[in-house]
Amino acid sequence: MKQIEIDALQKYLQSKLKSPAISVKAGQGKDAPAEVFVNGEFLAVIYKNEDEGEISYDLNMAILAEDLMGC
């Protein structure tokens, strides 16, 4: 994913979720998904999909049952 896309995704998520604490960084490796962090803590990944000339981005966040226990 290009840096311009990562920057746009970060701005979009910060705006939609009303949180400047969200950051998006390039993943490790050529085709790795971008990584989403909140206050430096890993939260999710974003995959880029290209199909028939259309581009979309999928946000994937796994929530462990044990993480819900502390809420």
PDB file of N, CA and C in Angstrom:
ATOM      1  N   MET A   1       0.853  -1.175   0.000  1.00  0.00           N
ATOM      2  CA  MET A   1       0.000   0.000   0.000  1.00  0.00           C
ATOM      3  C   MET A   1       0.902   1.243   0.000  1.00  0.00           C
ATOM      4  N   LYS A   2       0.515   2.220  -0.783  1.00  0.00           N
ATOM      5  CA  LYS A   2       1.298   3.453  -0.883  1.00  0.00           C
ATOM      6  C   LYS A   2       1.069   4.335   0.342  1.00  0.00           C
ATOM      7  N   GLN A   3       2.080   5.159   0.660  1.00  0.00           N
ATOM      8  CA  GLN A   3       1.992   6.037   1.821  1.00  0.00           C
ATOM      9  C   GLN A   3       0.823   6.997   1.715  1.00  0.00           C
ATOM     10  N   ILE A   4       0.513   7.469   0.524  1.00  0.00           N
ATOM     11  CA  ILE A   4      -0.611   8.396   0.345  1.00  0.00           C
ATOM     12  C   ILE A   4      -1.934   7.729   0.734  1.00  0.00           C
ATOM     13  N   GLU A   5      -2.064   6.421   0.464  1.00  0.00           N
ATOM     14  CA  GLU A   5      -3.266   5.681   0.855  1.00  0.00           C
ATOM     15  C   GLU A   5      -3.318   5.511   2.371  1.00  0.00           C
ATOM     16  N   ILE A   6      -2.177   5.201   2.969  1.00  0.00           N
ATOM     17  CA  ILE A   6      -2.104   5.023   4.425  1.00  0.00           C
ATOM     18  C   ILE A   6      -2.484   6.323   5.132  1.00  0.00           C
ATOM     19  N   ASP A   7      -1.956   7.440   4.634  1.00  0.00           N
ATOM     20  CA  ASP A   7      -2.286   8.746   5.225  1.00  0.00           C
ATOM     21  C   ASP A   7      -3.778   9.050   5.101  1.00  0.00           C
ATOM     22  N   ALA A   8      -4.360   8.737   3.936  1.00  0.00           N
ATOM     23  CA  ALA A   8      -5.790   8.987   3.724  1.00  0.00           C
ATOM     24  C   ALA A   8      -6.634   8.092   4.632  1.00  0.00           C
ATOM     25  N   LEU A   9      -6.232   6.834   4.802  1.00  0.00           N
ATOM     26  CA  LEU A   9      -6.958   5.925   5.692  1.00  0.00           C
ATOM     27  C   LEU A   9      -6.902   6.413   7.138  1.00  0.00           C
ATOM     28  N   GLN A  10      -5.735   6.885   7.555  1.00  0.00           N
ATOM     29  CA  GLN A  10      -5.597   7.402   8.921  1.00  0.00           C
ATOM     30  C   GLN A  10      -6.505   8.610   9.131  1.00  0.00           C
ATOM     31  N   LYS A  11      -6.492   9.537   8.203  1.00  0.00           N
ATOM     32  CA  LYS A  11      -7.347  10.729   8.310  1.00  0.00           C
ATOM     33  C   LYS A  11      -8.824  10.333   8.339  1.00  0.00           C
ATOM     34  N   TYR A  12      -9.205   9.387   7.489  1.00  0.00           N
ATOM     35  CA  TYR A  12     -10.592   8.922   7.432  1.00  0.00           C
ATOM     36  C   TYR A  12     -11.015   8.304   8.763  1.00  0.00           C
ATOM     37  N   LEU A  13     -10.190   7.396   9.300  1.00  0.00           N
ATOM     38  CA  LEU A  13     -10.542   6.729  10.562  1.00  0.00           C
ATOM     39  C   LEU A  13     -10.585   7.718  11.722  1.00  0.00           C
ATOM     40  N   GLN A  14      -9.628   8.636  11.764  1.00  0.00           N
ATOM     41  CA  GLN A  14      -9.631   9.644  12.827  1.00  0.00           C
ATOM     42  C   GLN A  14     -10.904  10.481  12.779  1.00  0.00           C
ATOM     43  N   SER A  15     -11.331  10.824  11.567  1.00  0.00           N
ATOM     44  CA  SER A  15     -12.533  11.636  11.395  1.00  0.00           C
ATOM     45  C   SER A  15     -13.799  10.856  11.754  1.00  0.00           C
ATOM     46  N   LYS A  16     -13.943   9.652  11.198  1.00  0.00           N
ATOM     47  CA  LYS A  16     -15.157   8.863  11.415  1.00  0.00           C
ATOM     48  C   LYS A  16     -15.301   8.397  12.861  1.00  0.00           C
ATOM     49  N   LEU A  17     -14.176   8.056  13.495  1.00  0.00           N
ATOM     50  CA  LEU A  17     -14.222   7.547  14.873  1.00  0.00           C
ATOM     51  C   LEU A  17     -13.946   8.643  15.897  1.00  0.00           C
ATOM     52  N   LYS A  18     -13.777   9.869  15.390  1.00  0.00           N
ATOM     53  CA  LYS A  18     -13.574  11.045  16.238  1.00  0.00           C
ATOM     54  C   LYS A  18     -12.456  10.839  17.261  1.00  0.00           C
ATOM     55  N   SER A  19     -11.294  10.374  16.763  1.00  0.00           N
ATOM     56  CA  SER A  19     -10.165  10.113  17.646  1.00  0.00           C
ATOM     57  C   SER A  19      -8.836  10.379  16.947  1.00  0.00           C
ATOM     58  N   PRO A  20      -8.141  11.442  17.374  1.00  0.00           N
ATOM     59  CA  PRO A  20      -6.818  11.701  16.818  1.00  0.00           C
ATOM     60  C   PRO A  20      -5.759  10.704  17.303  1.00  0.00           C
ATOM     61  N   ALA A  21      -6.135   9.838  18.237  1.00  0.00           N
ATOM     62  CA  ALA A  21      -5.206   8.838  18.782  1.00  0.00           C
ATOM     63  C   ALA A  21      -4.987   7.667  17.824  1.00  0.00           C
ATOM     64  N   ILE A  22      -5.747   7.610  16.731  1.00  0.00           N
ATOM     65  CA  ILE A  22      -5.631   6.515  15.764  1.00  0.00           C
ATOM     66  C   ILE A  22      -4.484   6.804  14.804  1.00  0.00           C
ATOM     67  N   SER A  23      -3.636   5.799  14.598  1.00  0.00           N
ATOM     68  CA  SER A  23      -2.584   5.915  13.593  1.00  0.00           C
ATOM     69  C   SER A  23      -2.593   4.670  12.717  1.00  0.00           C
ATOM     70  N   VAL A  24      -2.223   4.863  11.465  1.00  0.00           N
ATOM     71  CA  VAL A  24      -2.153   3.766  10.507  1.00  0.00           C
ATOM     72  C   VAL A  24      -0.722   3.736   9.975  1.00  0.00           C
ATOM     73  N   LYS A  25      -0.133   2.543   9.994  1.00  0.00           N
ATOM     74  CA  LYS A  25       1.252   2.383   9.550  1.00  0.00           C
ATOM     75  C   LYS A  25       1.344   1.257   8.535  1.00  0.00           C
ATOM     76  N   ALA A  26       2.355   1.354   7.681  1.00  0.00           N
ATOM     77  CA  ALA A  26       2.594   0.302   6.690  1.00  0.00           C
ATOM     78  C   ALA A  26       2.945  -0.992   7.413  1.00  0.00           C
ATOM     79  N   GLY A  27       2.449  -2.105   6.889  1.00  0.00           N
ATOM     80  CA  GLY A  27       2.782  -3.406   7.449  1.00  0.00           C
ATOM     81  C   GLY A  27       4.171  -3.839   7.025  1.00  0.00           C
ATOM     82  N   GLN A  28       4.671  -4.881   7.650  1.00  0.00           N
ATOM     83  CA  GLN A  28       5.986  -5.418   7.319  1.00  0.00           C
ATOM     84  C   GLN A  28       5.884  -6.279   6.076  1.00  0.00           C
ATOM     85  N   GLY A  29       6.672  -5.988   5.073  1.00  0.00           N
ATOM     86  CA  GLY A  29       6.641  -6.788   3.855  1.00  0.00           C
ATOM     87  C   GLY A  29       5.924  -6.082   2.727  1.00  0.00           C
ATOM     88  N   LYS A  30       6.204  -6.526   1.512  1.00  0.00           N
ATOM     89  CA  LYS A  30       5.682  -5.870   0.305  1.00  0.00           C
ATOM     90  C   LYS A  30       4.161  -5.858   0.236  1.00  0.00           C
ATOM     91  N   ASP A  31       3.521  -6.991   0.437  1.00  0.00           N
ATOM     92  CA  ASP A  31       2.066  -7.082   0.303  1.00  0.00           C
ATOM     93  C   ASP A  31       1.343  -7.186   1.644  1.00  0.00           C
ATOM     94  N   ALA A  32       2.027  -6.802   2.716  1.00  0.00           N
ATOM     95  CA  ALA A  32       1.425  -6.890   4.051  1.00  0.00           C
ATOM     96  C   ALA A  32       0.333  -5.830   4.215  1.00  0.00           C
ATOM     97  N   PRO A  33      -0.701  -6.138   4.987  1.00  0.00           N
ATOM     98  CA  PRO A  33      -1.749  -5.137   5.233  1.00  0.00           C
ATOM     99  C   PRO A  33      -1.208  -3.998   6.100  1.00  0.00           C
ATOM    100  N   ALA A  34      -1.865  -2.848   6.020  1.00  0.00           N
ATOM    101  CA  ALA A  34      -1.541  -1.732   6.911  1.00  0.00           C
ATOM    102  C   ALA A  34      -2.003  -2.107   8.316  1.00  0.00           C
ATOM    103  N   GLU A  35      -1.390  -1.494   9.311  1.00  0.00           N
ATOM    104  CA  GLU A  35      -1.727  -1.793  10.714  1.00  0.00           C
ATOM    105  C   GLU A  35      -2.312  -0.556  11.378  1.00  0.00           C
ATOM    106  N   VAL A  36      -3.346  -0.765  12.181  1.00  0.00           N
ATOM    107  CA  VAL A  36      -4.033   0.329  12.873  1.00  0.00           C
ATOM    108  C   VAL A  36      -3.683   0.263  14.357  1.00  0.00           C
ATOM    109  N   PHE A  37      -3.342   1.413  14.916  1.00  0.00           N
ATOM    110  CA  PHE A  37      -2.993   1.521  16.328  1.00  0.00           C
ATOM    111  C   PHE A  37      -3.830   2.608  16.984  1.00  0.00           C
ATOM    112  N   VAL A  38      -4.098   2.446  18.270  1.00  0.00           N
ATOM    113  CA  VAL A  38      -4.733   3.488  19.075  1.00  0.00           C
ATOM    114  C   VAL A  38      -3.822   3.721  20.267  1.00  0.00           C
ATOM    115  N   ASN A  39      -3.333   4.947  20.381  1.00  0.00           N
ATOM    116  CA  ASN A  39      -2.358   5.285  21.424  1.00  0.00           C
ATOM    117  C   ASN A  39      -1.188   4.306  21.437  1.00  0.00           C
ATOM    118  N   GLY A  40      -0.736   3.888  20.268  1.00  0.00           N
ATOM    119  CA  GLY A  40       0.414   3.002  20.152  1.00  0.00           C
ATOM    120  C   GLY A  40       0.131   1.530  20.348  1.00  0.00           C
ATOM    121  N   GLU A  41      -1.112   1.179  20.665  1.00  0.00           N
ATOM    122  CA  GLU A  41      -1.488  -0.226  20.879  1.00  0.00           C
ATOM    123  C   GLU A  41      -2.144  -0.781  19.608  1.00  0.00           C
ATOM    124  N   PHE A  42      -1.646  -1.925  19.150  1.00  0.00           N
ATOM    125  CA  PHE A  42      -2.178  -2.545  17.940  1.00  0.00           C
ATOM    126  C   PHE A  42      -3.662  -2.836  18.103  1.00  0.00           C
ATOM    127  N   LEU A  43      -4.436  -2.528  17.054  1.00  0.00           N
ATOM    128  CA  LEU A  43      -5.883  -2.726  17.101  1.00  0.00           C
ATOM    129  C   LEU A  43      -6.411  -3.586  15.950  1.00  0.00           C
ATOM    130  N   ALA A  44      -5.907  -3.353  14.727  1.00  0.00           N
ATOM    131  CA  ALA A  44      -6.501  -4.005  13.562  1.00  0.00           C
ATOM    132  C   ALA A  44      -5.551  -3.939  12.370  1.00  0.00           C
ATOM    133  N   VAL A  45      -5.963  -4.586  11.293  1.00  0.00           N
ATOM    134  CA  VAL A  45      -5.242  -4.490  10.030  1.00  0.00           C
ATOM    135  C   VAL A  45      -6.210  -4.014   8.943  1.00  0.00           C
ATOM    136  N   ILE A  46      -5.655  -3.417   7.905  1.00  0.00           N
ATOM    137  CA  ILE A  46      -6.455  -2.973   6.767  1.00  0.00           C
ATOM    138  C   ILE A  46      -5.877  -3.613   5.513  1.00  0.00           C
ATOM    139  N   TYR A  47      -6.731  -4.347   4.803  1.00  0.00           N
ATOM    140  CA  TYR A  47      -6.354  -4.984   3.552  1.00  0.00           C
ATOM    141  C   TYR A  47      -6.868  -4.150   2.388  1.00  0.00           C
ATOM    142  N   LYS A  48      -6.054  -4.033   1.352  1.00  0.00           N
ATOM    143  CA  LYS A  48      -6.460  -3.340   0.130  1.00  0.00           C
ATOM    144  C   LYS A  48      -6.945  -4.381  -0.866  1.00  0.00           C
ATOM    145  N   ASN A  49      -8.116  -4.141  -1.445  1.00  0.00           N
ATOM    146  CA  ASN A  49      -8.689  -5.043  -2.444  1.00  0.00           C
ATOM    147  C   ASN A  49      -8.860  -4.298  -3.758  1.00  0.00           C
ATOM    148  N   GLU A  50      -8.370  -4.902  -4.821  1.00  0.00           N
ATOM    149  CA  GLU A  50      -8.550  -4.354  -6.161  1.00  0.00           C
ATOM    150  C   GLU A  50      -9.273  -5.387  -6.998  1.00  0.00           C
ATOM    151  N   ASP A  51     -10.451  -5.013  -7.531  1.00  0.00           N
ATOM    152  CA  ASP A  51     -11.254  -5.937  -8.317  1.00  0.00           C
ATOM    153  C   ASP A  51     -11.915  -5.178  -9.456  1.00  0.00           C
ATOM    154  N   GLU A  52     -11.616  -5.570 -10.662  1.00  0.00           N
ATOM    155  CA  GLU A  52     -12.197  -4.969 -11.868  1.00  0.00           C
ATOM    156  C   GLU A  52     -12.033  -3.451 -11.876  1.00  0.00           C
ATOM    157  N   GLY A  53     -10.868  -2.988 -11.472  1.00  0.00           N
ATOM    158  CA  GLY A  53     -10.587  -1.561 -11.497  1.00  0.00           C
ATOM    159  C   GLY A  53     -11.103  -0.778 -10.308  1.00  0.00           C
ATOM    160  N   GLU A  54     -11.822  -1.425  -9.414  1.00  0.00           N
ATOM    161  CA  GLU A  54     -12.332  -0.745  -8.222  1.00  0.00           C
ATOM    162  C   GLU A  54     -11.459  -1.111  -7.028  1.00  0.00           C
ATOM    163  N   ILE A  55     -11.225  -0.137  -6.157  1.00  0.00           N
ATOM    164  CA  ILE A  55     -10.403  -0.344  -4.967  1.00  0.00           C
ATOM    165  C   ILE A  55     -11.266  -0.169  -3.727  1.00  0.00           C
ATOM    166  N   SER A  56     -11.095  -1.081  -2.775  1.00  0.00           N
ATOM    167  CA  SER A  56     -11.752  -0.958  -1.472  1.00  0.00           C
ATOM    168  C   SER A  56     -10.749  -1.362  -0.404  1.00  0.00           C
ATOM    169  N   TYR A  57     -11.063  -1.025   0.828  1.00  0.00           N
ATOM    170  CA  TYR A  57     -10.188  -1.340   1.950  1.00  0.00           C
ATOM    171  C   TYR A  57     -11.024  -2.044   3.013  1.00  0.00           C
ATOM    172  N   ASP A  58     -10.513  -3.152   3.524  1.00  0.00           N
ATOM    173  CA  ASP A  58     -11.222  -3.921   4.551  1.00  0.00           C
ATOM    174  C   ASP A  58     -10.488  -3.806   5.880  1.00  0.00           C
ATOM    175  N   LEU A  59     -11.204  -3.347   6.889  1.00  0.00           N
ATOM    176  CA  LEU A  59     -10.667  -3.263   8.242  1.00  0.00           C
ATOM    177  C   LEU A  59     -11.013  -4.557   8.963  1.00  0.00           C
ATOM    178  N   ASN A  60     -10.002  -5.232   9.497  1.00  0.00           N
ATOM    179  CA  ASN A  60     -10.204  -6.510  10.173  1.00  0.00           C
ATOM    180  C   ASN A  60      -9.663  -6.402  11.592  1.00  0.00           C
ATOM    181  N   MET A  61     -10.570  -6.574  12.560  1.00  0.00           N
ATOM    182  CA  MET A  61     -10.197  -6.461  13.964  1.00  0.00           C
ATOM    183  C   MET A  61     -10.662  -7.709  14.702  1.00  0.00           C
ATOM    184  N   ALA A  62      -9.721  -8.423  15.278  1.00  0.00           N
ATOM    185  CA  ALA A  62     -10.057  -9.603  16.067  1.00  0.00           C
ATOM    186  C   ALA A  62     -10.162  -9.192  17.535  1.00  0.00           C
ATOM    187  N   ILE A  63     -11.228  -9.652  18.188  1.00  0.00           N
ATOM    188  CA  ILE A  63     -11.436  -9.348  19.618  1.00  0.00           C
ATOM    189  C   ILE A  63     -11.475 -10.679  20.360  1.00  0.00           C
ATOM    190  N   LEU A  64     -10.525 -10.865  21.243  1.00  0.00           N
ATOM    191  CA  LEU A  64     -10.478 -12.093  22.035  1.00  0.00           C
ATOM    192  C   LEU A  64     -11.476 -12.031  23.187  1.00  0.00           C
ATOM    193  N   ALA A  65     -12.102 -13.134  23.493  1.00  0.00           N
ATOM    194  CA  ALA A  65     -13.069 -13.190  24.594  1.00  0.00           C
ATOM    195  C   ALA A  65     -12.413 -12.742  25.903  1.00  0.00           C
ATOM    196  N   GLU A  66     -11.159 -13.115  26.096  1.00  0.00           N
ATOM    197  CA  GLU A  66     -10.470 -12.747  27.331  1.00  0.00           C
ATOM    198  C   GLU A  66     -10.267 -11.223  27.451  1.00  0.00           C
ATOM    199  N   ASP A  67     -10.187 -10.542  26.301  1.00  0.00           N
ATOM    200  CA  ASP A  67     -10.062  -9.086  26.328  1.00  0.00           C
ATOM    201  C   ASP A  67     -11.355  -8.422  26.800  1.00  0.00           C
ATOM    202  N   LEU A  68     -12.486  -9.070  26.588  1.00  0.00           N
ATOM    203  CA  LEU A  68     -13.762  -8.515  27.012  1.00  0.00           C
ATOM    204  C   LEU A  68     -13.947  -8.590  28.528  1.00  0.00           C
ATOM    205  N   MET A  69     -13.234  -9.470  29.171  1.00  0.00           N
ATOM    206  CA  MET A  69     -13.369  -9.660  30.612  1.00  0.00           C
ATOM    207  C   MET A  69     -12.960  -8.409  31.403  1.00  0.00           C
ATOM    208  N   GLY A  70     -12.028  -7.623  30.853  1.00  0.00           N
ATOM    209  CA  GLY A  70     -11.552  -6.444  31.558  1.00  0.00           C
ATOM    210  C   GLY A  70     -12.395  -5.215  31.315  1.00  0.00           C
ATOM    211  N   CYS A  71     -13.461  -5.332  30.543  1.00  0.00           N
ATOM    212  CA  CYS A  71     -14.287  -4.153  30.211  1.00  0.00           C
ATOM    213  C   CYS A  71     -15.466  -4.004  31.159  1.00  0.00           C
TER     214      CYS A  71
END
